[in-house]
Amino acid sequence: MAKKLTITTELTVFESLQELPQSIQELMHKAQKARERAYAPYSRFKVGAAILLANGEVVTGNNQENAAFPSGLCAERVAAFYAGATYPGVAFQAIALTVRSLNHEVTTPTPPCGACRQSLAEYETNQKSSMSLYFMGETGNVVQANAIKDLLPLRFDSSYLK
């Protein structure tokens, strides 16, 4: 007999960046600076990410496009892979993500794409602790997820490969 599975996700929505703790505001400002350095000549959609590590370091990344689609890479994975390569084994505590379009104003909080969610879920699983994620558009509301698993509850991980 078939059973239904119910998945519930709880997110917190802040009306502005100023409602967030000072440390997260600073993290988002670093993501905004990274966003402005993005290489996005094709999509004209700039994304910046900043990751606060358990050792206090902040690592940033931005999207890097390429004319040979899909050879580019999203901001979240640029930052995560750099953090993993530079500070192996250091937990990710918080991630700030922000976007800006060169074509129109983005006021809707924009979460990570599926590939980035999966990549971040790998880090969260390996570190055995949650990382909070804050995401926003160019302006407006900021959404907080307490863990990547909140955005990807049925994630694929190494347990399926055993």
C-alpha atoms as a PDB file:
ATOM      1  CA  MET A   1       0.000   0.000   0.000  1.00  0.00           C
ATOM      2  CA  ALA A   2       1.347   3.434  -0.949  1.00  0.00           C
ATOM      3  CA  LYS A   3       2.236   5.910   1.769  1.00  0.00           C
ATOM      4  CA  LYS A   4       2.469   9.646   1.459  1.00  0.00           C
ATOM      5  CA  LEU A   5       5.599  11.449   2.550  1.00  0.00           C
ATOM      6  CA  THR A   6       5.195  15.025   3.753  1.00  0.00           C
ATOM      7  CA  ILE A   7       8.178  17.323   3.685  1.00  0.00           C
ATOM      8  CA  THR A   8       8.004  20.637   5.500  1.00  0.00           C
ATOM      9  CA  THR A   9      10.506  23.438   5.142  1.00  0.00           C
ATOM     10  CA  GLU A  10      10.628  26.428   7.434  1.00  0.00           C
ATOM     11  CA  LEU A  11      12.329  29.586   6.181  1.00  0.00           C
ATOM     12  CA  THR A  12      12.625  32.991   7.837  1.00  0.00           C
ATOM     13  CA  VAL A  13      11.949  36.092   5.743  1.00  0.00           C
ATOM     14  CA  PHE A  14      13.484  39.405   6.775  1.00  0.00           C
ATOM     15  CA  GLU A  15      12.116  42.582   5.215  1.00  0.00           C
ATOM     16  CA  SER A  16      15.569  44.090   4.791  1.00  0.00           C
ATOM     17  CA  LEU A  17      19.236  43.422   5.284  1.00  0.00           C
ATOM     18  CA  GLN A  18      19.228  45.750   8.318  1.00  0.00           C
ATOM     19  CA  GLU A  19      17.097  43.240  10.281  1.00  0.00           C
ATOM     20  CA  LEU A  20      19.890  40.650  10.197  1.00  0.00           C
ATOM     21  CA  PRO A  21      22.631  40.311  12.825  1.00  0.00           C
ATOM     22  CA  GLN A  22      25.603  42.601  12.112  1.00  0.00           C
ATOM     23  CA  SER A  23      27.869  39.653  11.272  1.00  0.00           C
ATOM     24  CA  ILE A  24      25.437  38.423   8.601  1.00  0.00           C
ATOM     25  CA  GLN A  25      25.001  41.957   7.224  1.00  0.00           C
ATOM     26  CA  GLU A  26      28.792  42.118   6.817  1.00  0.00           C
ATOM     27  CA  LEU A  27      28.807  38.704   5.155  1.00  0.00           C
ATOM     28  CA  MET A  28      26.106  39.847   2.715  1.00  0.00           C
ATOM     29  CA  HIS A  29      28.071  43.030   1.943  1.00  0.00           C
ATOM     30  CA  LYS A  30      31.037  40.835   1.004  1.00  0.00           C
ATOM     31  CA  ALA A  31      28.750  38.781  -1.232  1.00  0.00           C
ATOM     32  CA  GLN A  32      27.512  42.016  -2.852  1.00  0.00           C
ATOM     33  CA  LYS A  33      31.096  43.112  -3.553  1.00  0.00           C
ATOM     34  CA  ALA A  34      31.870  39.704  -5.030  1.00  0.00           C
ATOM     35  CA  ARG A  35      28.699  39.913  -7.151  1.00  0.00           C
ATOM     36  CA  GLU A  36      29.913  43.105  -8.797  1.00  0.00           C
ATOM     37  CA  ARG A  37      33.108  41.310  -9.915  1.00  0.00           C
ATOM     38  CA  ALA A  38      31.157  38.482 -11.583  1.00  0.00           C
ATOM     39  CA  TYR A  39      31.929  37.628 -15.201  1.00  0.00           C
ATOM     40  CA  ALA A  40      28.435  37.398 -16.682  1.00  0.00           C
ATOM     41  CA  PRO A  41      28.524  38.827 -20.235  1.00  0.00           C
ATOM     42  CA  TYR A  42      26.023  36.277 -21.599  1.00  0.00           C
ATOM     43  CA  SER A  43      23.288  36.056 -18.964  1.00  0.00           C
ATOM     44  CA  ARG A  44      23.898  39.572 -17.627  1.00  0.00           C
ATOM     45  CA  PHE A  45      22.894  38.021 -14.270  1.00  0.00           C
ATOM     46  CA  LYS A  46      25.549  38.601 -11.621  1.00  0.00           C
ATOM     47  CA  VAL A  47      25.719  36.423  -8.524  1.00  0.00           C
ATOM     48  CA  GLY A  48      27.929  36.818  -5.466  1.00  0.00           C
ATOM     49  CA  ALA A  49      28.475  34.435  -2.570  1.00  0.00           C
ATOM     50  CA  ALA A  50      30.334  34.739   0.717  1.00  0.00           C
ATOM     51  CA  ILE A  51      30.982  31.850   3.092  1.00  0.00           C
ATOM     52  CA  LEU A  52      31.824  32.318   6.768  1.00  0.00           C
ATOM     53  CA  LEU A  53      34.073  29.483   7.890  1.00  0.00           C
ATOM     54  CA  ALA A  54      34.382  28.098  11.412  1.00  0.00           C
ATOM     55  CA  ASN A  55      37.926  29.506  11.634  1.00  0.00           C
ATOM     56  CA  GLY A  56      36.573  33.056  11.089  1.00  0.00           C
ATOM     57  CA  GLU A  57      37.774  33.347   7.499  1.00  0.00           C
ATOM     58  CA  VAL A  58      35.377  34.562   4.816  1.00  0.00           C
ATOM     59  CA  VAL A  59      35.683  33.185   1.301  1.00  0.00           C
ATOM     60  CA  THR A  60      33.881  34.802  -1.617  1.00  0.00           C
ATOM     61  CA  GLY A  61      32.977  33.723  -5.124  1.00  0.00           C
ATOM     62  CA  ASN A  62      31.023  34.956  -8.104  1.00  0.00           C
ATOM     63  CA  ASN A  63      29.606  33.408 -11.233  1.00  0.00           C
ATOM     64  CA  GLN A  64      32.043  32.868 -14.085  1.00  0.00           C
ATOM     65  CA  GLU A  65      30.429  32.350 -17.483  1.00  0.00           C
ATOM     66  CA  ASN A  66      31.916  30.935 -20.643  1.00  0.00           C
ATOM     67  CA  ALA A  67      30.843  31.133 -24.272  1.00  0.00           C
ATOM     68  CA  ALA A  68      31.007  27.324 -24.383  1.00  0.00           C
ATOM     69  CA  PHE A  69      27.932  26.644 -22.250  1.00  0.00           C
ATOM     70  CA  PRO A  70      27.844  25.055 -19.650  1.00  0.00           C
ATOM     71  CA  SER A  71      31.540  25.505 -18.939  1.00  0.00           C
ATOM     72  CA  GLY A  72      30.945  28.342 -16.473  1.00  0.00           C
ATOM     73  CA  LEU A  73      30.441  27.970 -12.757  1.00  0.00           C
ATOM     74  CA  CYS A  74      28.005  29.451 -10.240  1.00  0.00           C
ATOM     75  CA  ALA A  75      29.130  31.777  -7.433  1.00  0.00           C
ATOM     76  CA  GLU A  76      28.227  29.346  -4.662  1.00  0.00           C
ATOM     77  CA  ARG A  77      30.363  26.556  -6.091  1.00  0.00           C
ATOM     78  CA  VAL A  78      33.252  28.920  -6.866  1.00  0.00           C
ATOM     79  CA  ALA A  79      33.277  29.973  -3.200  1.00  0.00           C
ATOM     80  CA  ALA A  80      32.664  26.474  -1.806  1.00  0.00           C
ATOM     81  CA  PHE A  81      35.328  24.795  -3.926  1.00  0.00           C
ATOM     82  CA  TYR A  82      37.841  27.534  -3.095  1.00  0.00           C
ATOM     83  CA  ALA A  83      37.047  27.175   0.608  1.00  0.00           C
ATOM     84  CA  GLY A  84      37.365  23.393   0.390  1.00  0.00           C
ATOM     85  CA  ALA A  85      40.691  23.656  -1.438  1.00  0.00           C
ATOM     86  CA  THR A  86      42.157  26.372   0.783  1.00  0.00           C
ATOM     87  CA  TYR A  87      40.730  25.364   4.160  1.00  0.00           C
ATOM     88  CA  PRO A  88      40.096  21.606   3.921  1.00  0.00           C
ATOM     89  CA  GLY A  89      37.988  20.245   6.750  1.00  0.00           C
ATOM     90  CA  VAL A  90      36.960  23.674   8.081  1.00  0.00           C
ATOM     91  CA  ALA A  91      33.176  23.820   8.506  1.00  0.00           C
ATOM     92  CA  PHE A  92      30.982  26.299   6.660  1.00  0.00           C
ATOM     93  CA  GLN A  93      28.933  28.227   9.228  1.00  0.00           C
ATOM     94  CA  ALA A  94      26.935  30.631   7.054  1.00  0.00           C
ATOM     95  CA  ILE A  95      26.557  31.502   3.397  1.00  0.00           C
ATOM     96  CA  ALA A  96      25.288  34.790   1.977  1.00  0.00           C
ATOM     97  CA  LEU A  97      24.034  34.901  -1.610  1.00  0.00           C
ATOM     98  CA  THR A  98      22.898  37.879  -3.665  1.00  0.00           C
ATOM     99  CA  VAL A  99      22.030  38.477  -7.318  1.00  0.00           C
ATOM    100  CA  ARG A 100      21.700  41.422  -9.699  1.00  0.00           C
ATOM    101  CA  SER A 101      20.514  41.520 -13.279  1.00  0.00           C
ATOM    102  CA  LEU A 102      21.885  44.047 -15.721  1.00  0.00           C
ATOM    103  CA  ASN A 103      18.517  43.864 -17.525  1.00  0.00           C
ATOM    104  CA  HIS A 104      16.064  44.588 -14.677  1.00  0.00           C
ATOM    105  CA  GLU A 105      15.908  45.069 -10.919  1.00  0.00           C
ATOM    106  CA  VAL A 106      15.737  41.808  -8.961  1.00  0.00           C
ATOM    107  CA  THR A 107      13.778  42.238  -5.739  1.00  0.00           C
ATOM    108  CA  THR A 108      12.850  38.583  -5.255  1.00  0.00           C
ATOM    109  CA  PRO A 109      15.163  36.531  -3.024  1.00  0.00           C
ATOM    110  CA  THR A 110      16.948  34.132  -5.368  1.00  0.00           C
ATOM    111  CA  PRO A 111      18.020  30.757  -3.924  1.00  0.00           C
ATOM    112  CA  PRO A 112      20.866  28.572  -5.208  1.00  0.00           C
ATOM    113  CA  CYS A 113      20.288  26.452  -8.300  1.00  0.00           C
ATOM    114  CA  GLY A 114      19.907  22.692  -7.928  1.00  0.00           C
ATOM    115  CA  ALA A 115      23.550  21.922  -8.743  1.00  0.00           C
ATOM    116  CA  CYS A 116      24.735  24.365  -6.086  1.00  0.00           C
ATOM    117  CA  ARG A 117      22.297  22.972  -3.527  1.00  0.00           C
ATOM    118  CA  GLN A 118      23.691  19.496  -4.165  1.00  0.00           C
ATOM    119  CA  SER A 119      27.290  20.686  -3.877  1.00  0.00           C
ATOM    120  CA  LEU A 120      26.614  22.588  -0.657  1.00  0.00           C
ATOM    121  CA  ALA A 121      24.704  19.586   0.715  1.00  0.00           C
ATOM    122  CA  GLU A 122      27.862  17.504   0.293  1.00  0.00           C
ATOM    123  CA  TYR A 123      29.810  19.915   2.483  1.00  0.00           C
ATOM    124  CA  GLU A 124      26.993  20.043   5.044  1.00  0.00           C
ATOM    125  CA  THR A 125      26.811  16.235   5.194  1.00  0.00           C
ATOM    126  CA  ASN A 126      30.587  15.859   5.506  1.00  0.00           C
ATOM    127  CA  GLN A 127      30.915  18.438   8.271  1.00  0.00           C
ATOM    128  CA  LYS A 128      28.038  16.823  10.220  1.00  0.00           C
ATOM    129  CA  SER A 129      26.590  20.219  11.104  1.00  0.00           C
ATOM    130  CA  SER A 130      24.176  22.610   9.456  1.00  0.00           C
ATOM    131  CA  MET A 131      25.182  25.766   7.651  1.00  0.00           C
ATOM    132  CA  SER A 132      22.745  28.657   7.486  1.00  0.00           C
ATOM    133  CA  LEU A 133      22.019  30.229   4.123  1.00  0.00           C
ATOM    134  CA  TYR A 134      20.864  33.808   3.564  1.00  0.00           C
ATOM    135  CA  PHE A 135      19.752  34.807   0.075  1.00  0.00           C
ATOM    136  CA  MET A 136      18.341  37.919  -1.527  1.00  0.00           C
ATOM    137  CA  GLY A 137      17.911  39.688  -4.828  1.00  0.00           C
ATOM    138  CA  GLU A 138      19.551  43.029  -5.448  1.00  0.00           C
ATOM    139  CA  THR A 139      17.291  44.671  -2.861  1.00  0.00           C
ATOM    140  CA  GLY A 140      14.328  43.718  -0.708  1.00  0.00           C
ATOM    141  CA  ASN A 141      13.623  40.702   1.445  1.00  0.00           C
ATOM    142  CA  VAL A 142      16.301  38.345   2.702  1.00  0.00           C
ATOM    143  CA  VAL A 143      15.428  34.681   3.237  1.00  0.00           C
ATOM    144  CA  GLN A 144      17.187  32.500   5.795  1.00  0.00           C
ATOM    145  CA  ALA A 145      17.341  28.725   5.651  1.00  0.00           C
ATOM    146  CA  ASN A 146      18.818  27.126   8.766  1.00  0.00           C
ATOM    147  CA  ALA A 147      20.416  24.366   6.722  1.00  0.00           C
ATOM    148  CA  ILE A 148      20.987  23.355   3.113  1.00  0.00           C
ATOM    149  CA  LYS A 149      18.868  20.261   3.813  1.00  0.00           C
ATOM    150  CA  ASP A 150      15.930  22.659   4.234  1.00  0.00           C
ATOM    151  CA  LEU A 151      16.248  23.521   0.523  1.00  0.00           C
ATOM    152  CA  LEU A 152      17.175  20.008  -0.598  1.00  0.00           C
ATOM    153  CA  PRO A 153      15.506  17.567   1.804  1.00  0.00           C
ATOM    154  CA  LEU A 154      15.832  14.519  -0.469  1.00  0.00           C
ATOM    155  CA  ARG A 155      19.460  15.029  -1.348  1.00  0.00           C
ATOM    156  CA  PHE A 156      21.769  12.422  -2.801  1.00  0.00           C
ATOM    157  CA  ASP A 157      24.804  11.663  -0.650  1.00  0.00           C
ATOM    158  CA  SER A 158      27.557   9.096  -0.275  1.00  0.00           C
ATOM    159  CA  SER A 159      25.321   6.737   1.747  1.00  0.00           C
ATOM    160  CA  TYR A 160      23.685   5.670  -1.547  1.00  0.00           C
ATOM    161  CA  LEU A 161      27.062   4.612  -2.965  1.00  0.00           C
ATOM    162  CA  LYS A 162      27.884   2.053  -0.254  1.00  0.00           C
END
